[in-house]
């Protein structure tokens, strides 16, 4: 895998990679990178986890239950987000409050999202496609929505996408002139801004 002192197989340093053995080489590199090469780190992770929660105790759970415990619920029946829960769990700030039309529009839009739209929004804002166990109330820090400001007064907010600080669950939302424009800009930002820092 680029290290002359690591032999992927016995006598491998004297064996050239060719079309005939390329598949074996790829399998050996994959095994090294995902198993052998990280075994010490994985053992440390296992020991650390075991010191907090005994791994033997996890045997009482089925894999899908563990997934739900650690990653939140998914595929267990779609549940729309409730407007009131959003009001109780999220924090408008820096130019917005709970009476701001932009905040009311945002919560109405979010409460109408289907499961795919929810996942895209969460991935965009938090960096994770699922909420933790406990939903929005369990987000730490809480989802904070602030008014996106611009350097010059001539700027039209409708021309800009929302941006985020995923590590802080922080949404910078322009004060759009209509609910429809906000809905489209959120959709576009979630689609284009996932897995990158262009809109941070």
N, C-alpha and C. Protein backbone atom coordinates (compact mmCIF):
# COMPACT_ATOMS: atom_id res chain seq x y z
N UNK A 1 0.82 -1.22 0.00
CA UNK A 1 0.00 0.00 0.00
C UNK A 1 0.85 1.27 0.00
N UNK A 2 2.07 1.19 -0.54
CA UNK A 2 2.92 2.36 -0.58
C UNK A 2 3.99 2.39 0.48
N UNK A 3 4.05 1.37 1.32
CA UNK A 3 5.07 1.27 2.37
C UNK A 3 5.94 0.06 2.09
N UNK A 4 7.21 0.29 1.74
CA UNK A 4 8.07 -0.84 1.37
C UNK A 4 8.33 -1.82 2.51
N UNK A 5 8.18 -1.38 3.76
CA UNK A 5 8.44 -2.27 4.89
C UNK A 5 7.24 -3.13 5.27
N UNK A 6 6.11 -2.95 4.61
CA UNK A 6 4.91 -3.74 4.90
C UNK A 6 4.71 -4.75 3.77
N UNK A 7 4.72 -6.01 4.15
CA UNK A 7 4.49 -7.07 3.18
C UNK A 7 3.06 -7.56 3.33
N UNK A 8 2.30 -7.47 2.28
CA UNK A 8 0.89 -7.86 2.34
C UNK A 8 0.73 -9.38 2.35
N UNK A 9 1.70 -10.09 1.83
CA UNK A 9 1.71 -11.55 1.84
C UNK A 9 3.15 -12.02 1.87
N UNK A 10 3.35 -13.23 2.27
CA UNK A 10 4.70 -13.78 2.36
C UNK A 10 5.36 -13.75 0.98
N UNK A 11 6.51 -13.12 0.92
CA UNK A 11 7.23 -12.99 -0.36
C UNK A 11 6.66 -11.92 -1.26
N UNK A 12 5.75 -11.11 -0.75
CA UNK A 12 5.09 -10.10 -1.58
C UNK A 12 6.01 -9.01 -2.08
N UNK A 13 7.09 -8.71 -1.34
CA UNK A 13 7.99 -7.65 -1.78
C UNK A 13 8.72 -8.02 -3.06
N UNK A 14 8.82 -9.31 -3.35
CA UNK A 14 9.50 -9.77 -4.56
C UNK A 14 8.52 -10.07 -5.70
N UNK A 15 7.24 -9.78 -5.46
CA UNK A 15 6.20 -10.10 -6.45
C UNK A 15 5.66 -8.81 -7.06
N UNK A 16 5.79 -8.67 -8.36
CA UNK A 16 5.26 -7.48 -9.04
C UNK A 16 3.75 -7.62 -9.23
N UNK A 17 3.05 -6.49 -9.16
CA UNK A 17 1.60 -6.50 -9.41
C UNK A 17 1.37 -6.53 -10.91
N UNK A 18 0.53 -7.44 -11.35
CA UNK A 18 0.21 -7.57 -12.78
C UNK A 18 -1.31 -7.70 -12.91
N UNK A 19 -1.78 -7.75 -14.12
CA UNK A 19 -3.22 -7.94 -14.34
C UNK A 19 -3.70 -9.27 -13.77
N UNK A 20 -2.81 -10.25 -13.75
CA UNK A 20 -3.19 -11.57 -13.26
C UNK A 20 -3.41 -11.59 -11.75
N UNK A 21 -2.64 -10.78 -11.00
CA UNK A 21 -2.77 -10.81 -9.54
C UNK A 21 -3.31 -9.49 -8.96
N UNK A 22 -3.81 -8.62 -9.82
CA UNK A 22 -4.33 -7.33 -9.38
C UNK A 22 -5.49 -7.47 -8.39
N UNK A 23 -6.40 -8.40 -8.65
CA UNK A 23 -7.53 -8.62 -7.74
C UNK A 23 -7.06 -9.04 -6.36
N UNK A 24 -6.07 -9.95 -6.31
CA UNK A 24 -5.52 -10.36 -5.01
C UNK A 24 -4.87 -9.18 -4.30
N UNK A 25 -4.12 -8.38 -5.06
CA UNK A 25 -3.45 -7.21 -4.47
C UNK A 25 -4.47 -6.25 -3.86
N UNK A 26 -5.53 -5.97 -4.58
CA UNK A 26 -6.57 -5.05 -4.08
C UNK A 26 -7.21 -5.61 -2.82
N UNK A 27 -7.51 -6.90 -2.80
CA UNK A 27 -8.09 -7.52 -1.60
C UNK A 27 -7.13 -7.44 -0.42
N UNK A 28 -5.84 -7.68 -0.67
CA UNK A 28 -4.85 -7.62 0.41
C UNK A 28 -4.68 -6.19 0.94
N UNK A 29 -4.68 -5.21 0.04
CA UNK A 29 -4.58 -3.81 0.47
C UNK A 29 -5.81 -3.43 1.31
N UNK A 30 -6.98 -3.82 0.84
CA UNK A 30 -8.21 -3.54 1.59
C UNK A 30 -8.18 -4.17 2.97
N UNK A 31 -7.72 -5.43 3.03
CA UNK A 31 -7.62 -6.11 4.33
C UNK A 31 -6.64 -5.38 5.24
N UNK A 32 -5.52 -4.96 4.68
CA UNK A 32 -4.52 -4.26 5.50
C UNK A 32 -5.08 -2.93 6.01
N UNK A 33 -5.70 -2.16 5.13
CA UNK A 33 -6.19 -0.82 5.50
C UNK A 33 -7.36 -0.88 6.49
N UNK A 34 -8.19 -1.90 6.38
CA UNK A 34 -9.40 -1.96 7.19
C UNK A 34 -9.32 -2.91 8.39
N UNK A 35 -8.32 -3.81 8.40
CA UNK A 35 -8.23 -4.78 9.48
C UNK A 35 -6.86 -4.73 10.15
N UNK A 36 -5.86 -5.25 9.47
CA UNK A 36 -4.51 -5.36 10.05
C UNK A 36 -3.92 -4.01 10.42
N UNK A 37 -4.04 -3.06 9.54
CA UNK A 37 -3.40 -1.76 9.75
C UNK A 37 -4.00 -0.92 10.86
N UNK A 38 -5.22 -1.24 11.26
CA UNK A 38 -5.88 -0.45 12.31
C UNK A 38 -6.24 -1.29 13.53
N UNK A 39 -5.67 -2.49 13.62
CA UNK A 39 -6.05 -3.40 14.71
C UNK A 39 -5.71 -2.81 16.08
N UNK A 40 -4.57 -2.13 16.20
CA UNK A 40 -4.19 -1.54 17.48
C UNK A 40 -5.17 -0.43 17.87
N UNK A 41 -5.53 0.42 16.92
CA UNK A 41 -6.47 1.50 17.20
C UNK A 41 -7.85 0.95 17.54
N UNK A 42 -8.28 -0.07 16.82
CA UNK A 42 -9.60 -0.66 17.10
C UNK A 42 -9.62 -1.33 18.47
N UNK A 43 -8.52 -1.95 18.86
CA UNK A 43 -8.45 -2.56 20.18
C UNK A 43 -8.53 -1.49 21.27
N UNK A 44 -7.87 -0.34 21.04
CA UNK A 44 -7.94 0.77 22.00
C UNK A 44 -9.36 1.31 22.08
N UNK A 45 -10.02 1.44 20.94
CA UNK A 45 -11.41 1.91 20.92
C UNK A 45 -12.30 0.93 21.69
N UNK A 46 -12.10 -0.35 21.45
CA UNK A 46 -12.89 -1.38 22.14
C UNK A 46 -12.67 -1.31 23.65
N UNK A 47 -11.39 -1.16 24.07
CA UNK A 47 -11.09 -1.07 25.51
C UNK A 47 -11.74 0.17 26.12
N UNK A 48 -11.66 1.30 25.42
CA UNK A 48 -12.26 2.53 25.92
C UNK A 48 -13.77 2.41 26.04
N UNK A 49 -14.41 1.86 25.01
CA UNK A 49 -15.86 1.68 25.04
C UNK A 49 -16.23 0.73 26.18
N UNK A 50 -15.46 -0.34 26.31
CA UNK A 50 -15.74 -1.34 27.34
C UNK A 50 -15.60 -0.77 28.76
N UNK A 51 -14.74 0.24 28.92
CA UNK A 51 -14.59 0.85 30.24
C UNK A 51 -15.81 1.70 30.62
N UNK A 52 -16.56 2.15 29.61
CA UNK A 52 -17.76 2.96 29.86
C UNK A 52 -19.01 2.08 29.90
N UNK A 53 -19.08 1.14 28.97
CA UNK A 53 -20.25 0.26 28.87
C UNK A 53 -19.74 -1.12 28.49
N UNK A 54 -19.89 -2.11 29.37
CA UNK A 54 -19.36 -3.45 29.07
C UNK A 54 -19.93 -4.00 27.77
N UNK A 55 -19.02 -4.33 26.87
CA UNK A 55 -19.44 -4.81 25.55
C UNK A 55 -20.26 -6.09 25.67
N UNK A 56 -19.96 -6.92 26.64
CA UNK A 56 -20.72 -8.16 26.82
C UNK A 56 -22.20 -7.88 27.05
N UNK A 57 -22.52 -6.72 27.64
CA UNK A 57 -23.92 -6.36 27.89
C UNK A 57 -24.67 -6.05 26.61
N UNK A 58 -23.95 -5.75 25.55
CA UNK A 58 -24.60 -5.42 24.28
C UNK A 58 -25.21 -6.65 23.61
N UNK A 59 -24.83 -7.84 24.06
CA UNK A 59 -25.34 -9.06 23.45
C UNK A 59 -26.84 -9.23 23.65
N UNK A 60 -27.41 -8.51 24.61
CA UNK A 60 -28.86 -8.62 24.83
C UNK A 60 -29.67 -7.89 23.76
N UNK A 61 -28.99 -7.07 22.94
CA UNK A 61 -29.69 -6.29 21.92
C UNK A 61 -29.51 -6.91 20.54
N UNK A 62 -30.52 -6.75 19.71
CA UNK A 62 -30.41 -7.09 18.30
C UNK A 62 -29.67 -5.95 17.60
N UNK A 63 -29.02 -6.22 16.46
CA UNK A 63 -28.29 -5.15 15.76
C UNK A 63 -29.14 -3.92 15.45
N UNK A 64 -30.40 -4.13 15.03
CA UNK A 64 -31.23 -2.96 14.70
C UNK A 64 -31.57 -2.14 15.95
N UNK A 65 -31.64 -2.79 17.11
CA UNK A 65 -31.87 -2.05 18.36
C UNK A 65 -30.65 -1.20 18.72
N UNK A 66 -29.45 -1.76 18.54
CA UNK A 66 -28.23 -0.99 18.79
C UNK A 66 -28.14 0.21 17.85
N UNK A 67 -28.51 -0.02 16.60
CA UNK A 67 -28.51 1.08 15.64
C UNK A 67 -29.45 2.19 16.10
N UNK A 68 -30.60 1.83 16.58
CA UNK A 68 -31.56 2.84 17.06
C UNK A 68 -31.04 3.55 18.31
N UNK A 69 -30.40 2.81 19.21
CA UNK A 69 -29.88 3.41 20.43
C UNK A 69 -28.77 4.42 20.11
N UNK A 70 -27.84 4.02 19.25
CA UNK A 70 -26.68 4.86 18.98
C UNK A 70 -26.91 5.91 17.91
N UNK A 71 -27.81 5.63 16.97
CA UNK A 71 -27.97 6.53 15.82
C UNK A 71 -29.34 7.18 15.73
N UNK A 72 -30.26 6.84 16.60
CA UNK A 72 -31.60 7.40 16.51
C UNK A 72 -32.46 6.53 15.61
N UNK A 73 -33.74 6.82 15.59
CA UNK A 73 -34.66 5.98 14.84
C UNK A 73 -34.64 6.36 13.37
N UNK A 74 -34.79 5.34 12.55
CA UNK A 74 -34.88 5.51 11.11
C UNK A 74 -35.65 4.32 10.56
N UNK A 75 -36.52 4.58 9.64
CA UNK A 75 -37.25 3.50 9.02
C UNK A 75 -38.25 2.83 9.94
N UNK A 76 -38.54 3.43 11.06
CA UNK A 76 -39.48 2.85 12.02
C UNK A 76 -40.84 3.54 11.88
N UNK A 77 -41.19 3.86 10.69
CA UNK A 77 -42.42 4.60 10.48
C UNK A 77 -42.10 6.08 10.50
N UNK A 78 -42.39 6.72 9.41
CA UNK A 78 -42.09 8.13 9.27
C UNK A 78 -42.95 8.96 10.21
N UNK A 79 -42.34 9.91 10.90
CA UNK A 79 -43.07 10.81 11.78
C UNK A 79 -42.74 12.24 11.41
N UNK A 80 -43.73 13.02 10.96
CA UNK A 80 -43.45 14.41 10.63
C UNK A 80 -43.02 15.19 11.87
N UNK A 81 -42.22 16.22 11.64
CA UNK A 81 -41.80 17.06 12.75
C UNK A 81 -42.96 17.95 13.17
N UNK A 82 -43.15 18.09 14.44
CA UNK A 82 -44.25 18.86 14.99
C UNK A 82 -43.85 20.32 15.16
N UNK A 83 -44.69 21.22 14.70
CA UNK A 83 -44.43 22.66 14.78
C UNK A 83 -44.16 23.08 16.22
N UNK A 84 -44.96 22.61 17.15
CA UNK A 84 -44.81 23.00 18.56
C UNK A 84 -43.49 22.49 19.13
N UNK A 85 -43.11 21.25 18.77
CA UNK A 85 -41.82 20.70 19.24
C UNK A 85 -40.67 21.54 18.71
N UNK A 86 -40.76 21.94 17.46
CA UNK A 86 -39.72 22.81 16.88
C UNK A 86 -39.64 24.12 17.65
N UNK A 87 -40.80 24.71 17.96
CA UNK A 87 -40.83 25.96 18.73
C UNK A 87 -40.20 25.77 20.11
N UNK A 88 -40.46 24.63 20.73
CA UNK A 88 -39.95 24.38 22.07
C UNK A 88 -38.47 24.00 22.10
N UNK A 89 -37.97 23.48 20.98
CA UNK A 89 -36.63 22.91 20.98
C UNK A 89 -35.56 23.78 20.33
N UNK A 90 -35.96 24.62 19.40
CA UNK A 90 -35.00 25.41 18.64
C UNK A 90 -34.87 26.81 19.24
N UNK A 91 -33.80 27.49 18.85
CA UNK A 91 -33.50 28.78 19.48
C UNK A 91 -33.26 29.85 18.40
N UNK A 92 -34.23 30.73 18.17
CA UNK A 92 -33.98 31.86 17.29
C UNK A 92 -33.10 32.88 18.01
N UNK A 93 -32.21 33.53 17.27
CA UNK A 93 -31.28 34.46 17.90
C UNK A 93 -30.75 35.45 16.86
N UNK A 94 -30.04 36.46 17.31
CA UNK A 94 -29.34 37.44 16.47
C UNK A 94 -30.20 37.91 15.29
N UNK A 95 -31.30 38.59 15.63
CA UNK A 95 -32.17 39.16 14.60
C UNK A 95 -33.50 38.45 14.45
N UNK A 96 -33.63 37.26 15.01
CA UNK A 96 -34.89 36.53 14.95
C UNK A 96 -35.38 36.22 16.36
N UNK A 97 -36.72 36.12 16.48
CA UNK A 97 -37.34 35.63 17.71
C UNK A 97 -38.49 34.72 17.29
N UNK A 98 -39.22 34.19 18.24
CA UNK A 98 -40.27 33.23 17.91
C UNK A 98 -41.44 33.86 17.14
N UNK A 99 -41.57 35.18 17.19
CA UNK A 99 -42.64 35.85 16.45
C UNK A 99 -42.20 36.27 15.04
N UNK A 100 -40.93 36.12 14.72
CA UNK A 100 -40.43 36.52 13.40
C UNK A 100 -41.10 35.69 12.32
N UNK A 101 -41.60 36.36 11.27
CA UNK A 101 -42.22 35.60 10.17
C UNK A 101 -41.29 34.53 9.58
N UNK A 102 -40.00 34.83 9.52
CA UNK A 102 -39.05 33.86 8.97
C UNK A 102 -39.00 32.59 9.82
N UNK A 103 -39.07 32.72 11.12
CA UNK A 103 -39.02 31.56 12.01
C UNK A 103 -40.31 30.76 11.89
N UNK A 104 -41.44 31.45 11.86
CA UNK A 104 -42.73 30.75 11.70
C UNK A 104 -42.76 30.02 10.36
N UNK A 105 -42.31 30.70 9.29
CA UNK A 105 -42.25 30.04 7.98
C UNK A 105 -41.33 28.83 8.00
N UNK A 106 -40.17 28.97 8.62
CA UNK A 106 -39.21 27.86 8.69
C UNK A 106 -39.84 26.66 9.38
N UNK A 107 -40.45 26.87 10.53
CA UNK A 107 -41.04 25.75 11.27
C UNK A 107 -42.21 25.13 10.52
N UNK A 108 -42.98 25.94 9.80
CA UNK A 108 -44.06 25.39 8.98
C UNK A 108 -43.50 24.54 7.85
N UNK A 109 -42.44 25.02 7.21
CA UNK A 109 -41.80 24.26 6.12
C UNK A 109 -41.25 22.94 6.66
N UNK A 110 -40.54 23.01 7.78
CA UNK A 110 -39.95 21.80 8.35
C UNK A 110 -41.01 20.79 8.77
N UNK A 111 -42.13 21.28 9.27
CA UNK A 111 -43.19 20.36 9.70
C UNK A 111 -43.89 19.68 8.52
N UNK A 112 -43.68 20.19 7.31
CA UNK A 112 -44.26 19.58 6.11
C UNK A 112 -43.29 18.64 5.40
N UNK A 113 -42.05 18.56 5.85
CA UNK A 113 -41.03 17.74 5.18
C UNK A 113 -41.39 16.26 5.23
N UNK A 114 -41.07 15.56 4.12
CA UNK A 114 -41.15 14.11 4.12
C UNK A 114 -39.83 13.56 4.68
N UNK A 115 -39.71 12.25 4.78
CA UNK A 115 -38.54 11.65 5.41
C UNK A 115 -37.24 12.00 4.68
N UNK A 116 -37.27 11.99 3.37
CA UNK A 116 -36.06 12.31 2.58
C UNK A 116 -35.65 13.77 2.79
N UNK A 117 -36.62 14.67 2.82
CA UNK A 117 -36.32 16.09 3.05
C UNK A 117 -35.79 16.31 4.47
N UNK A 118 -36.33 15.59 5.43
CA UNK A 118 -35.83 15.69 6.81
C UNK A 118 -34.37 15.29 6.87
N UNK A 119 -34.04 14.16 6.25
CA UNK A 119 -32.66 13.67 6.27
C UNK A 119 -31.71 14.66 5.60
N UNK A 120 -32.13 15.23 4.48
CA UNK A 120 -31.28 16.19 3.77
C UNK A 120 -31.06 17.44 4.61
N UNK A 121 -32.12 17.93 5.25
CA UNK A 121 -32.00 19.13 6.09
C UNK A 121 -31.07 18.86 7.26
N UNK A 122 -31.26 17.74 7.93
CA UNK A 122 -30.41 17.40 9.08
C UNK A 122 -28.95 17.24 8.68
N UNK A 123 -28.72 16.59 7.55
CA UNK A 123 -27.34 16.41 7.08
C UNK A 123 -26.70 17.77 6.82
N UNK A 124 -27.46 18.68 6.24
CA UNK A 124 -26.96 20.02 5.94
C UNK A 124 -26.67 20.81 7.21
N UNK A 125 -27.59 20.79 8.16
CA UNK A 125 -27.48 21.66 9.34
C UNK A 125 -26.60 21.06 10.44
N UNK A 126 -26.72 19.74 10.66
CA UNK A 126 -26.00 19.13 11.79
C UNK A 126 -24.82 18.27 11.37
N UNK A 127 -24.77 17.90 10.09
CA UNK A 127 -23.72 17.00 9.63
C UNK A 127 -24.08 15.54 9.81
N UNK A 128 -25.28 15.26 10.28
CA UNK A 128 -25.75 13.89 10.50
C UNK A 128 -27.18 13.79 9.96
N UNK A 129 -27.51 12.70 9.26
CA UNK A 129 -28.85 12.61 8.67
C UNK A 129 -29.96 12.22 9.63
N UNK A 130 -29.62 12.01 10.91
CA UNK A 130 -30.63 11.61 11.89
C UNK A 130 -30.53 12.47 13.14
N UNK A 131 -31.65 12.58 13.81
CA UNK A 131 -31.67 13.24 15.11
C UNK A 131 -31.24 12.24 16.18
N UNK A 132 -30.69 12.72 17.27
CA UNK A 132 -30.37 11.79 18.36
C UNK A 132 -31.65 11.29 19.03
N UNK A 133 -31.52 10.25 19.85
CA UNK A 133 -32.66 9.80 20.64
C UNK A 133 -33.13 10.99 21.47
N UNK A 134 -34.41 11.30 21.40
CA UNK A 134 -34.93 12.47 22.09
C UNK A 134 -35.27 13.59 21.12
N UNK A 135 -35.02 13.38 19.82
CA UNK A 135 -35.39 14.32 18.77
C UNK A 135 -34.69 15.67 18.92
N UNK A 136 -35.34 16.74 18.51
CA UNK A 136 -34.73 18.07 18.52
C UNK A 136 -34.34 18.51 19.92
N UNK A 137 -35.11 18.09 20.91
CA UNK A 137 -34.80 18.50 22.29
C UNK A 137 -33.47 17.95 22.77
N UNK A 138 -32.99 16.88 22.13
CA UNK A 138 -31.74 16.25 22.56
C UNK A 138 -30.53 16.80 21.80
N UNK A 139 -30.75 17.67 20.82
CA UNK A 139 -29.61 18.25 20.10
C UNK A 139 -28.79 19.09 21.05
N UNK A 140 -27.49 18.89 21.01
CA UNK A 140 -26.60 19.66 21.87
C UNK A 140 -25.39 20.11 21.05
N UNK A 141 -25.24 21.39 20.83
CA UNK A 141 -26.11 22.48 21.27
C UNK A 141 -27.44 22.46 20.50
N UNK A 142 -28.44 23.20 21.01
CA UNK A 142 -29.73 23.21 20.32
C UNK A 142 -29.62 23.87 18.95
N UNK A 143 -30.54 23.51 18.06
CA UNK A 143 -30.57 24.14 16.74
C UNK A 143 -30.84 25.63 16.93
N UNK A 144 -29.91 26.44 16.49
CA UNK A 144 -30.01 27.89 16.61
C UNK A 144 -30.18 28.49 15.22
N UNK A 145 -31.19 29.34 15.06
CA UNK A 145 -31.45 29.98 13.77
C UNK A 145 -31.20 31.47 13.93
N UNK A 146 -30.27 32.01 13.14
CA UNK A 146 -29.94 33.43 13.21
C UNK A 146 -30.18 34.08 11.86
N UNK A 147 -30.37 35.38 11.89
CA UNK A 147 -30.60 36.15 10.67
C UNK A 147 -29.27 36.34 9.95
N UNK A 148 -29.21 35.89 8.70
CA UNK A 148 -28.00 36.07 7.91
C UNK A 148 -27.91 37.52 7.48
N UNK A 149 -26.80 38.14 7.81
CA UNK A 149 -26.62 39.55 7.50
C UNK A 149 -25.65 39.71 6.34
N UNK A 150 -25.72 40.86 5.72
CA UNK A 150 -24.89 41.14 4.55
C UNK A 150 -24.18 42.47 4.76
N UNK A 151 -23.04 42.63 4.11
CA UNK A 151 -22.20 43.81 4.30
C UNK A 151 -22.80 45.09 3.72
N UNK A 152 -23.59 44.96 2.67
CA UNK A 152 -24.16 46.16 2.05
C UNK A 152 -25.67 46.10 2.07
N UNK A 153 -26.34 47.23 2.26
CA UNK A 153 -27.81 47.22 2.34
C UNK A 153 -28.49 46.94 1.00
N UNK A 154 -27.76 47.06 -0.09
CA UNK A 154 -28.37 46.83 -1.42
C UNK A 154 -28.59 45.36 -1.72
N UNK A 155 -28.03 44.49 -0.91
CA UNK A 155 -28.12 43.05 -1.15
C UNK A 155 -29.56 42.57 -0.93
N UNK A 156 -30.04 41.76 -1.86
CA UNK A 156 -31.38 41.17 -1.73
C UNK A 156 -31.24 39.78 -1.10
N UNK A 157 -31.82 39.56 0.08
CA UNK A 157 -31.71 38.25 0.74
C UNK A 157 -32.21 37.10 -0.14
N UNK A 158 -33.19 37.37 -1.01
CA UNK A 158 -33.73 36.32 -1.87
C UNK A 158 -32.71 35.76 -2.84
N UNK A 159 -31.59 36.45 -3.03
CA UNK A 159 -30.55 36.00 -3.95
C UNK A 159 -29.54 35.07 -3.30
N UNK A 160 -29.71 34.81 -2.00
CA UNK A 160 -28.71 34.04 -1.26
C UNK A 160 -29.29 32.79 -0.63
N UNK A 161 -28.43 31.80 -0.47
CA UNK A 161 -28.81 30.55 0.20
C UNK A 161 -28.52 30.66 1.69
N UNK A 162 -29.22 29.88 2.50
CA UNK A 162 -28.85 29.82 3.91
C UNK A 162 -27.49 29.14 4.04
N UNK A 163 -26.81 29.37 5.15
CA UNK A 163 -25.54 28.71 5.41
C UNK A 163 -25.57 28.18 6.83
N UNK A 164 -24.57 27.36 7.15
CA UNK A 164 -24.59 26.67 8.44
C UNK A 164 -23.20 26.61 9.07
N UNK A 165 -23.22 26.35 10.38
CA UNK A 165 -22.03 25.93 11.12
C UNK A 165 -22.44 24.61 11.77
N UNK A 166 -22.11 23.50 11.11
CA UNK A 166 -22.62 22.20 11.54
C UNK A 166 -22.16 21.82 12.94
N UNK A 167 -20.94 22.20 13.32
CA UNK A 167 -20.45 21.79 14.65
C UNK A 167 -21.24 22.47 15.77
N UNK A 168 -21.92 23.56 15.45
CA UNK A 168 -22.70 24.28 16.47
C UNK A 168 -24.21 24.18 16.23
N UNK A 169 -24.64 23.37 15.23
CA UNK A 169 -26.06 23.28 14.87
C UNK A 169 -26.65 24.68 14.67
N UNK A 170 -26.00 25.45 13.83
CA UNK A 170 -26.25 26.88 13.67
C UNK A 170 -26.67 27.15 12.24
N UNK A 171 -27.90 27.61 12.04
CA UNK A 171 -28.42 27.91 10.71
C UNK A 171 -28.50 29.42 10.52
N UNK A 172 -27.80 29.92 9.50
CA UNK A 172 -27.83 31.35 9.17
C UNK A 172 -28.82 31.52 8.01
N UNK A 173 -29.98 32.05 8.36
CA UNK A 173 -31.11 32.10 7.43
C UNK A 173 -31.39 33.52 6.98
N UNK A 174 -31.29 33.80 5.66
CA UNK A 174 -31.68 35.13 5.19
C UNK A 174 -33.16 35.38 5.45
N UNK A 175 -33.53 36.64 5.56
CA UNK A 175 -34.94 37.01 5.79
C UNK A 175 -35.64 37.08 4.43
N UNK A 176 -36.05 35.92 3.94
CA UNK A 176 -36.66 35.82 2.61
C UNK A 176 -38.00 36.54 2.57
N UNK A 177 -38.36 37.00 1.36
CA UNK A 177 -39.60 37.77 1.19
C UNK A 177 -40.85 36.90 1.17
N UNK A 178 -40.68 35.59 0.96
CA UNK A 178 -41.86 34.72 0.95
C UNK A 178 -41.50 33.32 1.43
N UNK A 179 -42.52 32.61 1.86
CA UNK A 179 -42.36 31.23 2.33
C UNK A 179 -41.91 30.33 1.19
N UNK A 180 -42.41 30.57 -0.02
CA UNK A 180 -42.07 29.74 -1.18
C UNK A 180 -40.59 29.88 -1.52
N UNK A 181 -40.09 31.11 -1.47
CA UNK A 181 -38.66 31.33 -1.74
C UNK A 181 -37.82 30.64 -0.68
N UNK A 182 -38.21 30.77 0.59
CA UNK A 182 -37.47 30.10 1.66
C UNK A 182 -37.45 28.59 1.45
N UNK A 183 -38.58 28.01 1.11
CA UNK A 183 -38.65 26.57 0.91
C UNK A 183 -37.71 26.12 -0.20
N UNK A 184 -37.68 26.86 -1.29
CA UNK A 184 -36.81 26.50 -2.42
C UNK A 184 -35.34 26.69 -2.07
N UNK A 185 -35.01 27.77 -1.38
CA UNK A 185 -33.61 28.02 -1.00
C UNK A 185 -33.12 26.96 0.00
N UNK A 186 -33.97 26.55 0.94
CA UNK A 186 -33.60 25.49 1.88
C UNK A 186 -33.38 24.18 1.13
N UNK A 187 -34.26 23.87 0.19
CA UNK A 187 -34.11 22.64 -0.60
C UNK A 187 -32.80 22.65 -1.36
N UNK A 188 -32.52 23.77 -2.01
CA UNK A 188 -31.30 23.88 -2.81
C UNK A 188 -30.05 23.81 -1.94
N UNK A 189 -30.07 24.50 -0.82
CA UNK A 189 -28.91 24.48 0.09
C UNK A 189 -28.67 23.08 0.63
N UNK A 190 -29.74 22.39 1.00
CA UNK A 190 -29.59 21.03 1.54
C UNK A 190 -29.06 20.08 0.48
N UNK A 191 -29.50 20.27 -0.77
CA UNK A 191 -29.05 19.40 -1.86
C UNK A 191 -27.61 19.69 -2.25
N UNK A 192 -27.26 20.96 -2.32
CA UNK A 192 -25.93 21.35 -2.81
C UNK A 192 -24.88 21.45 -1.70
N UNK A 193 -25.32 21.65 -0.46
CA UNK A 193 -24.37 21.91 0.61
C UNK A 193 -24.00 20.72 1.46
N UNK A 194 -24.51 19.53 1.12
CA UNK A 194 -24.18 18.35 1.93
C UNK A 194 -22.76 17.91 1.66
N UNK A 195 -22.11 17.44 2.70
CA UNK A 195 -20.78 16.84 2.63
C UNK A 195 -19.70 17.81 2.13
N UNK A 196 -19.94 19.11 2.23
CA UNK A 196 -18.92 20.06 1.81
C UNK A 196 -19.03 21.32 2.66
N UNK A 197 -18.08 22.23 2.50
CA UNK A 197 -18.06 23.42 3.32
C UNK A 197 -18.35 24.69 2.52
N UNK A 198 -18.90 24.54 1.34
CA UNK A 198 -19.19 25.71 0.51
C UNK A 198 -20.20 26.64 1.15
N UNK A 199 -21.13 26.11 1.93
CA UNK A 199 -22.19 26.93 2.52
C UNK A 199 -22.02 27.05 4.02
N UNK A 200 -20.77 26.99 4.48
CA UNK A 200 -20.54 27.16 5.92
C UNK A 200 -20.08 28.57 6.19
